[in-house]
Amino acid sequence: MSLAERFSLTGKKALVTGASKGIGTELCRVMSEAGADIVAVARDAAGLAEVKSVVEGNGRRCLTISADLGQADAPERAAREALAAWGKIDILVNNAGVSFPKLLVDQTIEEWDLIQAVNLRAPWLIARTLVPAMMAQKAGKIVNVSSQTSAVALTEHGAYAASKNGLNGLTKVMTAEWAAYNIQCNTVCPTVTMTPMGQQVWGDPAKLGPMVAKIPAGRVAQTVEVCDVILFLCSQASDMVTGQDIFVDGGYTAL
């Protein structure tokens, strides 16, 4: 198999959550350029329409599904809709995430519960719905987008860190249960990335400066840099990589 073939997603069907913004939007572009058809899942209908245009502009099919993954029934409904339309999903990227940065003593129960629902419960519900078809074909890729703060403490991110630590642990159990079916499950853990959510949290230079000073690379991550790592984990080139937390952090966690 050639280099191009090993990294190609031609003929693959990929479901991406949080597809209407930031890393999700860029990932739909990157994966469709690599040959994948895309199921784009998000709440923002206008954003989904833009993603559909980009994917189809790359000559691939795009199914858009509007879903609020914080609702208990929404993740499974979205996954079943994708299966009903396309029969199977080869690649799942759980990218959707929310954060309400507050000190632990100020975080509300409602905010805590929503963060866990979107960042941790939804990936489990979608995966358990899609995995039986992956098991049947003895092939599949699952990438859960986690965070640098799954490994290092970050003030005002207690609920978010709890969800991402949980996601890393969930991914390892996915590996333990599904690796025998040739399903690879990994997390990608970015540092600060200037998505709309990243801008909301880190847009103030007075807050961003001290964080960047701790990153040996001296800058934040670009969305495409995160997406290229996800692309590798979704390709045949990564068939022996599973159960790993891959940090895209410019060296932050090396210190």
Protein backbone atom coordinates (compact mmCIF):
# COMPACT_ATOMS: atom_id res chain seq x y z
CA MET A 1 0.00 0.00 0.00
CA SER A 2 1.39 3.40 -0.99
CA LEU A 3 1.97 6.35 1.31
CA ALA A 4 -0.99 8.19 -0.17
CA GLU A 5 -3.24 5.15 0.30
CA ARG A 6 -2.22 4.69 3.93
CA PHE A 7 -3.26 8.23 4.79
CA SER A 8 -6.34 8.34 2.54
CA LEU A 9 -9.93 8.27 3.78
CA THR A 10 -11.37 7.50 0.36
CA GLY A 11 -14.60 5.55 0.66
CA LYS A 12 -14.92 6.14 4.40
CA LYS A 13 -17.97 7.59 6.14
CA ALA A 14 -17.17 9.84 9.10
CA LEU A 15 -19.44 11.36 11.73
CA VAL A 16 -18.15 14.57 13.33
CA THR A 17 -19.88 16.27 16.25
CA GLY A 18 -19.51 19.96 16.97
CA ALA A 19 -19.13 20.32 13.22
CA SER A 20 -20.43 23.86 12.80
CA LYS A 21 -17.54 25.71 14.48
CA GLY A 22 -13.84 25.70 15.18
CA ILE A 23 -12.02 22.38 15.09
CA GLY A 24 -15.16 20.59 13.87
CA THR A 25 -15.58 22.78 10.80
CA GLU A 26 -11.90 22.55 9.91
CA LEU A 27 -11.96 18.80 10.45
CA CYS A 28 -14.86 18.34 8.03
CA ARG A 29 -12.83 20.21 5.44
CA VAL A 30 -9.64 18.22 6.08
CA MET A 31 -11.34 14.84 6.15
CA SER A 32 -13.35 15.50 3.02
CA GLU A 33 -10.17 16.59 1.25
CA ALA A 34 -8.76 13.20 2.29
CA GLY A 35 -11.73 11.48 0.63
CA ALA A 36 -14.28 10.93 3.41
CA ASP A 37 -18.00 11.51 3.21
CA ILE A 38 -19.14 13.46 6.27
CA VAL A 39 -22.06 13.34 8.68
CA ALA A 40 -21.89 16.77 10.33
CA VAL A 41 -23.68 17.04 13.68
CA ALA A 42 -24.22 20.34 15.50
CA ARG A 43 -26.88 22.72 16.82
CA ASP A 44 -26.15 25.63 14.47
CA ALA A 45 -28.15 25.17 11.27
CA ALA A 46 -26.40 28.04 9.47
CA GLY A 47 -22.99 26.66 10.40
CA LEU A 48 -24.00 23.20 9.20
CA ALA A 49 -25.07 24.65 5.85
CA GLU A 50 -21.62 26.21 5.44
CA VAL A 51 -19.92 22.92 6.30
CA LYS A 52 -22.09 21.07 3.80
CA SER A 53 -21.04 23.53 1.10
CA VAL A 54 -17.35 23.02 1.90
CA VAL A 55 -17.56 19.22 1.96
CA GLU A 56 -19.55 19.03 -1.25
CA GLY A 57 -17.13 21.50 -2.80
CA ASN A 58 -14.46 18.87 -2.18
CA GLY A 59 -16.53 16.37 -4.14
CA ARG A 60 -17.78 14.41 -1.12
CA ARG A 61 -21.24 13.78 0.28
CA CYS A 62 -22.39 15.59 3.43
CA LEU A 63 -25.35 14.72 5.64
CA THR A 64 -26.18 17.38 8.23
CA ILE A 65 -27.97 16.52 11.48
CA SER A 66 -29.13 19.20 13.90
CA ALA A 67 -28.86 18.00 17.49
CA ASP A 68 -28.38 19.43 20.98
CA LEU A 69 -26.06 16.81 22.48
CA GLY A 70 -26.76 18.09 25.98
CA GLN A 71 -30.21 16.46 25.74
CA ALA A 72 -30.24 12.85 26.91
CA ASP A 73 -31.92 11.42 23.80
CA ALA A 74 -30.15 13.53 21.18
CA PRO A 75 -26.81 11.69 20.77
CA GLU A 76 -28.39 8.29 20.09
CA ARG A 77 -31.02 9.86 17.83
CA ALA A 78 -28.33 11.57 15.75
CA ALA A 79 -26.30 8.37 15.48
CA ARG A 80 -29.33 6.32 14.45
CA GLU A 81 -30.25 8.92 11.83
CA ALA A 82 -26.76 8.61 10.37
CA LEU A 83 -26.98 4.81 10.31
CA ALA A 84 -30.42 4.91 8.74
CA ALA A 85 -29.14 7.17 5.96
CA TRP A 86 -25.77 5.53 5.24
CA GLY A 87 -25.93 2.04 6.77
CA LYS A 88 -22.67 2.34 8.69
CA ILE A 89 -20.16 4.85 10.00
CA ASP A 90 -16.46 3.99 9.68
CA ILE A 91 -15.08 6.92 11.68
CA LEU A 92 -16.46 8.75 14.71
CA VAL A 93 -14.92 11.99 15.96
CA ASN A 94 -16.50 13.19 19.19
CA ASN A 95 -15.49 16.82 18.98
CA ALA A 96 -18.45 18.71 20.49
CA GLY A 97 -17.65 20.39 23.77
CA VAL A 98 -18.82 23.15 26.10
CA SER A 99 -17.15 25.05 28.91
CA PHE A 100 -18.26 27.65 31.45
CA PRO A 101 -15.00 28.82 33.04
CA LYS A 102 -15.59 29.52 36.73
CA LEU A 103 -13.92 28.82 40.02
CA LEU A 104 -15.14 25.60 41.60
CA VAL A 105 -16.94 27.50 44.35
CA ASP A 106 -18.86 29.51 41.74
CA GLN A 107 -19.80 26.76 39.26
CA THR A 108 -23.50 25.96 39.22
CA ILE A 109 -24.94 22.45 39.25
CA GLU A 110 -26.69 23.18 35.96
CA GLU A 111 -23.42 24.19 34.29
CA TRP A 112 -21.60 21.16 35.72
CA ASP A 113 -24.27 18.77 34.49
CA LEU A 114 -24.38 20.27 31.00
CA ILE A 115 -20.58 20.09 30.64
CA GLN A 116 -20.59 16.41 31.63
CA ALA A 117 -23.55 15.68 29.34
CA VAL A 118 -22.00 17.19 26.21
CA ASN A 119 -18.32 16.42 26.81
CA LEU A 120 -18.59 12.94 28.33
CA ARG A 121 -22.05 11.37 28.14
CA ALA A 122 -22.67 12.19 24.47
CA PRO A 123 -19.45 10.54 23.21
CA TRP A 124 -20.39 7.34 25.06
CA LEU A 125 -23.96 7.34 23.74
CA ILE A 126 -22.95 7.98 20.13
CA ALA A 127 -20.17 5.40 20.25
CA ARG A 128 -22.32 2.65 21.72
CA THR A 129 -24.87 3.22 18.95
CA LEU A 130 -22.36 3.16 16.09
CA VAL A 131 -19.95 0.50 17.33
CA PRO A 132 -22.05 -2.64 16.61
CA ALA A 133 -21.75 -1.96 12.88
CA MET A 134 -18.00 -1.34 13.28
CA MET A 135 -17.73 -4.66 15.12
CA ALA A 136 -19.59 -6.43 12.34
CA GLN A 137 -17.20 -5.14 9.69
CA LYS A 138 -14.20 -5.56 12.03
CA ALA A 139 -12.95 -2.04 11.39
CA GLY A 140 -13.50 1.37 12.88
CA LYS A 141 -11.87 4.53 14.19
CA ILE A 142 -12.98 6.60 17.16
CA VAL A 143 -11.24 9.84 18.10
CA ASN A 144 -12.42 11.71 21.17
CA VAL A 145 -11.29 15.33 21.32
CA SER A 146 -10.10 15.93 24.86
CA SER A 147 -7.89 18.70 26.23
CA GLN A 148 -4.51 19.58 27.65
CA THR A 149 -6.30 20.14 30.94
CA SER A 150 -7.04 16.42 31.15
CA ALA A 151 -3.45 16.12 32.39
CA VAL A 152 -2.63 19.44 34.06
CA ALA A 153 -4.64 21.63 36.42
CA LEU A 154 -6.14 24.83 35.06
CA THR A 155 -8.00 27.20 37.34
CA GLU A 156 -11.62 27.98 36.46
CA HIS A 157 -11.83 24.70 34.51
CA GLY A 158 -12.78 22.19 37.20
CA ALA A 159 -15.95 20.90 35.54
CA TYR A 160 -14.29 20.91 32.12
CA ALA A 161 -11.21 19.08 33.40
CA ALA A 162 -13.41 16.49 35.09
CA SER A 163 -15.22 15.82 31.81
CA LYS A 164 -12.00 15.54 29.81
CA ASN A 165 -10.28 13.32 32.37
CA GLY A 166 -13.37 11.16 32.19
CA LEU A 167 -13.21 11.13 28.41
CA ASN A 168 -9.61 9.92 28.47
CA GLY A 169 -10.58 7.11 30.84
CA LEU A 170 -13.62 6.21 28.76
CA THR A 171 -11.44 6.00 25.66
CA LYS A 172 -9.12 3.51 27.34
CA VAL A 173 -12.06 1.28 28.25
CA MET A 174 -13.31 1.55 24.66
CA THR A 175 -9.89 0.28 23.63
CA ALA A 176 -9.99 -2.60 26.09
CA GLU A 177 -13.42 -3.70 24.88
CA TRP A 178 -13.20 -3.00 21.15
CA ALA A 179 -9.57 -3.41 20.04
CA ALA A 180 -10.17 -7.11 19.29
CA TYR A 181 -12.64 -5.97 16.62
CA ASN A 182 -9.98 -3.84 14.89
CA ILE A 183 -11.49 -0.62 16.24
CA GLN A 184 -8.90 1.96 17.28
CA CYS A 185 -9.89 4.51 19.94
CA ASN A 186 -7.72 7.49 20.90
CA THR A 187 -7.96 10.96 22.32
CA VAL A 188 -6.44 14.15 20.95
CA CYS A 189 -5.65 16.71 23.65
CA PRO A 190 -5.04 20.23 22.29
CA THR A 191 -3.62 23.17 24.13
CA VAL A 192 -5.32 26.56 23.72
CA THR A 193 -6.73 26.73 20.19
CA MET A 194 -8.36 29.90 18.92
CA THR A 195 -11.74 28.47 18.04
CA PRO A 196 -14.83 30.53 18.91
CA MET A 197 -14.88 28.79 22.33
CA GLY A 198 -11.14 29.39 22.72
CA GLN A 199 -11.60 33.05 21.87
CA GLN A 200 -14.34 33.33 24.45
CA VAL A 201 -12.11 31.91 27.17
CA TRP A 202 -8.70 33.29 26.13
CA GLY A 203 -9.54 36.39 24.09
CA ASP A 204 -8.21 38.75 26.77
CA PRO A 205 -4.45 39.21 26.10
CA ALA A 206 -3.87 39.65 29.84
CA LYS A 207 -5.19 36.12 30.37
CA LEU A 208 -3.70 34.54 27.26
CA GLY A 209 -0.17 35.92 27.75
CA PRO A 210 0.71 33.93 30.88
CA MET A 211 -0.63 30.75 29.27
CA VAL A 212 1.41 31.20 26.09
CA ALA A 213 4.48 31.85 28.24
CA LYS A 214 4.13 28.28 29.58
CA ILE A 215 4.04 26.73 26.09
CA PRO A 216 7.59 25.94 24.91
CA ALA A 217 6.55 26.50 21.29
CA GLY A 218 5.60 30.04 22.27
CA ARG A 219 2.18 30.10 20.65
CA VAL A 220 -1.29 28.57 20.68
CA ALA A 221 -2.35 25.76 18.35
CA GLN A 222 -3.99 26.30 14.97
CA THR A 223 -7.14 24.31 14.22
CA VAL A 224 -5.56 22.62 11.20
CA GLU A 225 -2.68 21.36 13.37
CA VAL A 226 -5.17 19.58 15.61
CA CYS A 227 -7.12 18.27 12.62
CA ASP A 228 -4.04 16.83 10.92
CA VAL A 229 -3.35 14.69 14.00
CA ILE A 230 -6.98 13.53 14.01
CA LEU A 231 -6.67 12.72 10.30
CA PHE A 232 -3.70 10.46 11.03
CA LEU A 233 -5.66 8.67 13.78
CA CYS A 234 -8.56 8.14 11.36
CA SER A 235 -6.37 6.67 8.62
CA GLN A 236 -4.95 3.18 8.11
CA ALA A 237 -1.52 4.60 8.98
CA SER A 238 -2.52 4.51 12.66
CA ASP A 239 -3.90 0.96 12.81
CA MET A 240 -1.50 0.00 15.63
CA VAL A 241 -2.18 3.15 17.66
CA THR A 242 -5.00 2.75 20.15
CA GLY A 243 -5.78 3.73 23.72
CA GLN A 244 -3.48 6.74 23.51
CA ASP A 245 -3.83 10.37 24.62
CA ILE A 246 -2.10 12.44 21.95
CA PHE A 247 -1.20 15.94 23.16
CA VAL A 248 -1.07 18.73 20.59
CA ASP A 249 0.27 21.27 23.05
CA GLY A 250 3.55 22.73 21.82
CA GLY A 251 5.36 20.96 24.65
CA TYR A 252 3.25 22.28 27.53
CA THR A 253 2.85 18.93 29.28
CA ALA A 254 6.53 18.05 28.79
CA LEU A 255 7.58 20.53 31.48
